[in-house]
C-alpha atoms as a PDB file:
ATOM      1  CA  UNK A   1     -42.292  38.495  64.917  1.00  0.00           C
ATOM      2  CA  UNK A   2     -38.979  37.363  63.455  1.00  0.00           C
ATOM      3  CA  UNK A   3     -38.776  34.972  66.376  1.00  0.00           C
ATOM      4  CA  UNK A   4     -41.073  32.699  65.095  1.00  0.00           C
ATOM      5  CA  UNK A   5     -39.626  32.112  61.698  1.00  0.00           C
ATOM      6  CA  UNK A   6     -37.470  29.568  60.756  1.00  0.00           C
ATOM      7  CA  UNK A   7     -33.858  29.343  59.554  1.00  0.00           C
ATOM      8  CA  UNK A   8     -34.751  28.554  56.312  1.00  0.00           C
ATOM      9  CA  UNK A   9     -37.633  31.267  55.921  1.00  0.00           C
ATOM     10  CA  UNK A  10     -35.019  34.240  56.419  1.00  0.00           C
ATOM     11  CA  UNK A  11     -31.941  33.123  54.925  1.00  0.00           C
ATOM     12  CA  UNK A  12     -32.066  32.577  50.943  1.00  0.00           C
ATOM     13  CA  UNK A  13     -31.555  29.155  49.358  1.00  0.00           C
ATOM     14  CA  UNK A  14     -27.368  28.822  47.852  1.00  0.00           C
ATOM     15  CA  UNK A  15     -26.915  26.846  44.676  1.00  0.00           C
ATOM     16  CA  UNK A  16     -25.880  24.668  43.561  1.00  0.00           C
ATOM     17  CA  UNK A  17     -27.283  22.201  46.255  1.00  0.00           C
ATOM     18  CA  UNK A  18     -27.771  18.565  46.228  1.00  0.00           C
ATOM     19  CA  UNK A  19     -30.857  16.798  47.874  1.00  0.00           C
ATOM     20  CA  UNK A  20     -31.298  13.146  48.233  1.00  0.00           C
ATOM     21  CA  UNK A  21     -34.877  11.209  48.021  1.00  0.00           C
ATOM     22  CA  UNK A  22     -36.286   7.819  48.429  1.00  0.00           C
ATOM     23  CA  UNK A  23     -39.579   6.677  47.520  1.00  0.00           C
ATOM     24  CA  UNK A  24     -41.677   3.924  46.275  1.00  0.00           C
ATOM     25  CA  UNK A  25     -43.952   3.751  43.108  1.00  0.00           C
ATOM     26  CA  UNK A  26     -46.823   1.702  41.800  1.00  0.00           C
ATOM     27  CA  UNK A  27     -47.371   1.292  38.423  1.00  0.00           C
ATOM     28  CA  UNK A  28     -51.083   1.436  37.943  1.00  0.00           C
ATOM     29  CA  UNK A  29     -51.633   0.986  34.280  1.00  0.00           C
ATOM     30  CA  UNK A  30     -49.711   0.205  30.961  1.00  0.00           C
ATOM     31  CA  UNK A  31     -51.241   0.513  27.535  1.00  0.00           C
ATOM     32  CA  UNK A  32     -49.790  -1.338  24.872  1.00  0.00           C
ATOM     33  CA  UNK A  33     -50.960  -1.362  20.828  1.00  0.00           C
ATOM     34  CA  UNK A  34     -53.447  -3.621  21.694  1.00  0.00           C
ATOM     35  CA  UNK A  35     -53.665  -4.609  25.244  1.00  0.00           C
ATOM     36  CA  UNK A  36     -54.069  -2.822  28.674  1.00  0.00           C
ATOM     37  CA  UNK A  37     -52.428  -4.088  31.755  1.00  0.00           C
ATOM     38  CA  UNK A  38     -53.540  -2.850  35.263  1.00  0.00           C
ATOM     39  CA  UNK A  39     -50.861  -3.568  38.307  1.00  0.00           C
ATOM     40  CA  UNK A  40     -52.518  -5.494  41.029  1.00  0.00           C
ATOM     41  CA  UNK A  41     -55.074  -7.540  38.397  1.00  0.00           C
ATOM     42  CA  UNK A  42     -52.743 -10.646  38.169  1.00  0.00           C
ATOM     43  CA  UNK A  43     -49.663  -9.837  39.267  1.00  0.00           C
ATOM     44  CA  UNK A  44     -48.109  -6.974  41.714  1.00  0.00           C
ATOM     45  CA  UNK A  45     -45.003  -4.679  40.631  1.00  0.00           C
ATOM     46  CA  UNK A  46     -43.402  -2.120  42.897  1.00  0.00           C
ATOM     47  CA  UNK A  47     -40.186  -0.123  42.480  1.00  0.00           C
ATOM     48  CA  UNK A  48     -38.011   1.673  44.933  1.00  0.00           C
ATOM     49  CA  UNK A  49     -36.689   4.944  43.431  1.00  0.00           C
ATOM     50  CA  UNK A  50     -33.931   5.618  45.006  1.00  0.00           C
ATOM     51  CA  UNK A  51     -32.053   9.210  43.652  1.00  0.00           C
ATOM     52  CA  UNK A  52     -29.654  12.507  43.371  1.00  0.00           C
ATOM     53  CA  UNK A  53     -31.059  16.153  42.545  1.00  0.00           C
ATOM     54  CA  UNK A  54     -28.700  18.462  41.758  1.00  0.00           C
ATOM     55  CA  UNK A  55     -30.434  21.900  42.014  1.00  0.00           C
ATOM     56  CA  UNK A  56     -28.813  24.622  39.956  1.00  0.00           C
ATOM     57  CA  UNK A  57     -31.423  27.527  41.082  1.00  0.00           C
ATOM     58  CA  UNK A  58     -35.080  27.648  42.182  1.00  0.00           C
ATOM     59  CA  UNK A  59     -36.279  26.731  38.866  1.00  0.00           C
ATOM     60  CA  UNK A  60     -33.903  23.962  37.014  1.00  0.00           C
ATOM     61  CA  UNK A  61     -32.031  20.910  38.221  1.00  0.00           C
ATOM     62  CA  UNK A  62     -30.545  17.761  36.940  1.00  0.00           C
ATOM     63  CA  UNK A  63     -31.826  14.333  38.512  1.00  0.00           C
ATOM     64  CA  UNK A  64     -30.200  10.661  38.665  1.00  0.00           C
ATOM     65  CA  UNK A  65     -32.270   7.925  39.822  1.00  0.00           C
ATOM     66  CA  UNK A  66     -31.915   4.043  39.988  1.00  0.00           C
ATOM     67  CA  UNK A  67     -35.309   1.976  40.637  1.00  0.00           C
ATOM     68  CA  UNK A  68     -35.229  -1.837  41.329  1.00  0.00           C
ATOM     69  CA  UNK A  69     -38.411  -3.374  40.263  1.00  0.00           C
ATOM     70  CA  UNK A  70     -40.019  -6.300  42.367  1.00  0.00           C
ATOM     71  CA  UNK A  71     -42.944  -8.375  40.986  1.00  0.00           C
ATOM     72  CA  UNK A  72     -44.678 -10.748  42.791  1.00  0.00           C
ATOM     73  CA  UNK A  73     -46.960 -13.457  40.968  1.00  0.00           C
ATOM     74  CA  UNK A  74     -47.963 -17.134  41.691  1.00  0.00           C
ATOM     75  CA  UNK A  75     -46.458 -16.781  45.206  1.00  0.00           C
ATOM     76  CA  UNK A  76     -42.996 -15.944  44.322  1.00  0.00           C
ATOM     77  CA  UNK A  77     -41.450 -12.431  43.878  1.00  0.00           C
ATOM     78  CA  UNK A  78     -38.381 -11.276  42.236  1.00  0.00           C
ATOM     79  CA  UNK A  79     -36.475  -8.253  40.966  1.00  0.00           C
ATOM     80  CA  UNK A  80     -38.195  -8.031  37.585  1.00  0.00           C
ATOM     81  CA  UNK A  81     -36.217  -5.000  36.193  1.00  0.00           C
ATOM     82  CA  UNK A  82     -34.010  -2.050  37.165  1.00  0.00           C
ATOM     83  CA  UNK A  83     -34.588   1.473  35.380  1.00  0.00           C
ATOM     84  CA  UNK A  84     -31.859   4.121  35.452  1.00  0.00           C
ATOM     85  CA  UNK A  85     -33.395   7.424  35.007  1.00  0.00           C
ATOM     86  CA  UNK A  86     -31.360  10.638  34.562  1.00  0.00           C
ATOM     87  CA  UNK A  87     -33.641  13.804  33.896  1.00  0.00           C
ATOM     88  CA  UNK A  88     -33.922  17.486  34.006  1.00  0.00           C
ATOM     89  CA  UNK A  89     -36.311  19.320  36.581  1.00  0.00           C
ATOM     90  CA  UNK A  90     -38.130  22.162  35.764  1.00  0.00           C
ATOM     91  CA  UNK A  91     -39.101  23.618  39.115  1.00  0.00           C
ATOM     92  CA  UNK A  92     -42.157  25.716  39.556  1.00  0.00           C
ATOM     93  CA  UNK A  93     -43.695  27.689  42.554  1.00  0.00           C
ATOM     94  CA  UNK A  94     -45.838  26.234  45.513  1.00  0.00           C
ATOM     95  CA  UNK A  95     -43.773  22.889  45.155  1.00  0.00           C
ATOM     96  CA  UNK A  96     -44.370  21.578  41.622  1.00  0.00           C
ATOM     97  CA  UNK A  97     -42.189  20.073  39.705  1.00  0.00           C
ATOM     98  CA  UNK A  98     -41.897  18.856  36.066  1.00  0.00           C
ATOM     99  CA  UNK A  99     -38.952  16.279  35.485  1.00  0.00           C
ATOM    100  CA  UNK A 100     -38.305  14.947  31.400  1.00  0.00           C
ATOM    101  CA  UNK A 101     -36.691  11.340  32.273  1.00  0.00           C
ATOM    102  CA  UNK A 102     -34.801   9.154  29.351  1.00  0.00           C
ATOM    103  CA  UNK A 103     -34.976   5.742  30.729  1.00  0.00           C
ATOM    104  CA  UNK A 104     -32.939   2.581  30.195  1.00  0.00           C
ATOM    105  CA  UNK A 105     -34.451  -0.538  31.636  1.00  0.00           C
ATOM    106  CA  UNK A 106     -32.241  -3.819  32.259  1.00  0.00           C
ATOM    107  CA  UNK A 107     -35.038  -5.800  30.714  1.00  0.00           C
ATOM    108  CA  UNK A 108     -33.880  -4.429  27.136  1.00  0.00           C
ATOM    109  CA  UNK A 109     -36.783  -1.252  26.975  1.00  0.00           C
ATOM    110  CA  UNK A 110     -36.022   2.268  26.564  1.00  0.00           C
ATOM    111  CA  UNK A 111     -37.921   5.511  26.100  1.00  0.00           C
ATOM    112  CA  UNK A 112     -38.657   8.626  28.366  1.00  0.00           C
ATOM    113  CA  UNK A 113     -40.799   9.602  31.335  1.00  0.00           C
ATOM    114  CA  UNK A 114     -42.670  12.798  32.213  1.00  0.00           C
ATOM    115  CA  UNK A 115     -42.740  13.142  35.742  1.00  0.00           C
ATOM    116  CA  UNK A 116     -45.230  15.331  37.587  1.00  0.00           C
ATOM    117  CA  UNK A 117     -44.810  16.011  41.324  1.00  0.00           C
ATOM    118  CA  UNK A 118     -45.625  18.290  44.118  1.00  0.00           C
ATOM    119  CA  UNK A 119     -44.231  18.963  47.538  1.00  0.00           C
ATOM    120  CA  UNK A 120     -47.057  17.887  49.918  1.00  0.00           C
ATOM    121  CA  UNK A 121     -45.221  18.475  53.624  1.00  0.00           C
ATOM    122  CA  UNK A 122     -42.331  20.618  54.040  1.00  0.00           C
ATOM    123  CA  UNK A 123     -39.762  20.656  56.698  1.00  0.00           C
ATOM    124  CA  UNK A 124     -36.523  22.472  57.458  1.00  0.00           C
ATOM    125  CA  UNK A 125     -34.840  18.801  57.188  1.00  0.00           C
ATOM    126  CA  UNK A 126     -37.288  16.891  54.700  1.00  0.00           C
ATOM    127  CA  UNK A 127     -39.671  17.147  51.867  1.00  0.00           C
ATOM    128  CA  UNK A 128     -42.409  14.739  51.454  1.00  0.00           C
ATOM    129  CA  UNK A 129     -43.501  14.303  48.005  1.00  0.00           C
ATOM    130  CA  UNK A 130     -46.117  12.807  45.633  1.00  0.00           C
ATOM    131  CA  UNK A 131     -45.955  12.093  41.759  1.00  0.00           C
ATOM    132  CA  UNK A 132     -47.211  11.081  38.794  1.00  0.00           C
ATOM    133  CA  UNK A 133     -44.732   9.353  36.459  1.00  0.00           C
ATOM    134  CA  UNK A 134     -45.813   8.682  32.702  1.00  0.00           C
ATOM    135  CA  UNK A 135     -43.591   6.413  31.111  1.00  0.00           C
ATOM    136  CA  UNK A 136     -42.921   6.126  27.443  1.00  0.00           C
ATOM    137  CA  UNK A 137     -41.318   3.078  26.495  1.00  0.00           C
ATOM    138  CA  UNK A 138     -39.799   1.114  23.213  1.00  0.00           C
ATOM    139  CA  UNK A 139     -37.666  -1.651  22.493  1.00  0.00           C
ATOM    140  CA  UNK A 140     -36.731  -5.609  23.157  1.00  0.00           C
ATOM    141  CA  UNK A 141     -39.348  -6.632  20.159  1.00  0.00           C
ATOM    142  CA  UNK A 142     -42.288  -5.505  22.094  1.00  0.00           C
ATOM    143  CA  UNK A 143     -44.509  -2.920  20.902  1.00  0.00           C
ATOM    144  CA  UNK A 144     -44.375   0.766  22.481  1.00  0.00           C
ATOM    145  CA  UNK A 145     -45.918   1.105  25.302  1.00  0.00           C
ATOM    146  CA  UNK A 146     -47.204   4.424  28.012  1.00  0.00           C
ATOM    147  CA  UNK A 147     -48.558   4.024  31.200  1.00  0.00           C
ATOM    148  CA  UNK A 148     -49.272   5.997  34.891  1.00  0.00           C
ATOM    149  CA  UNK A 149     -48.026   5.546  38.149  1.00  0.00           C
ATOM    150  CA  UNK A 150     -48.141   6.951  41.679  1.00  0.00           C
ATOM    151  CA  UNK A 151     -44.804   7.741  43.638  1.00  0.00           C
ATOM    152  CA  UNK A 152     -44.642   9.016  47.107  1.00  0.00           C
ATOM    153  CA  UNK A 153     -41.515   9.920  48.601  1.00  0.00           C
ATOM    154  CA  UNK A 154     -38.951  11.972  50.689  1.00  0.00           C
ATOM    155  CA  UNK A 155     -36.361  14.030  50.177  1.00  0.00           C
ATOM    156  CA  UNK A 156     -33.311  14.633  52.641  1.00  0.00           C
END
């Protein structure tokens, strides 16, 4: 029956559309030339990505994210890095999105991040998502690195 369908299910999406989000990211592993570093081993790092997505269609959008990272080690903690993370979103069916981001860190590192995300709960007001960011970093007199993390968040 028509009365059981929500307004969002009946009306087509209109674009452009702006969506904000907040999330938590846990870097899991970073691999350098001769070293592999695991989060949770000797220290703990957590990030808090905050962003805005400008959706141009059901299939494409732009995104800008700022992520402060906090590192806890030896009984103290501090903001260790802030990441500026603009990107292009390629939205797929069933809530899958692949985002290609540039990365500029206040630590002096730079590079790119591929982010694979999936909406896991969709409501009329909010979407809850899970993502796997895969960062590639260079610069600041350190060897190139790549890694993987786990991100969970909410769009509104």
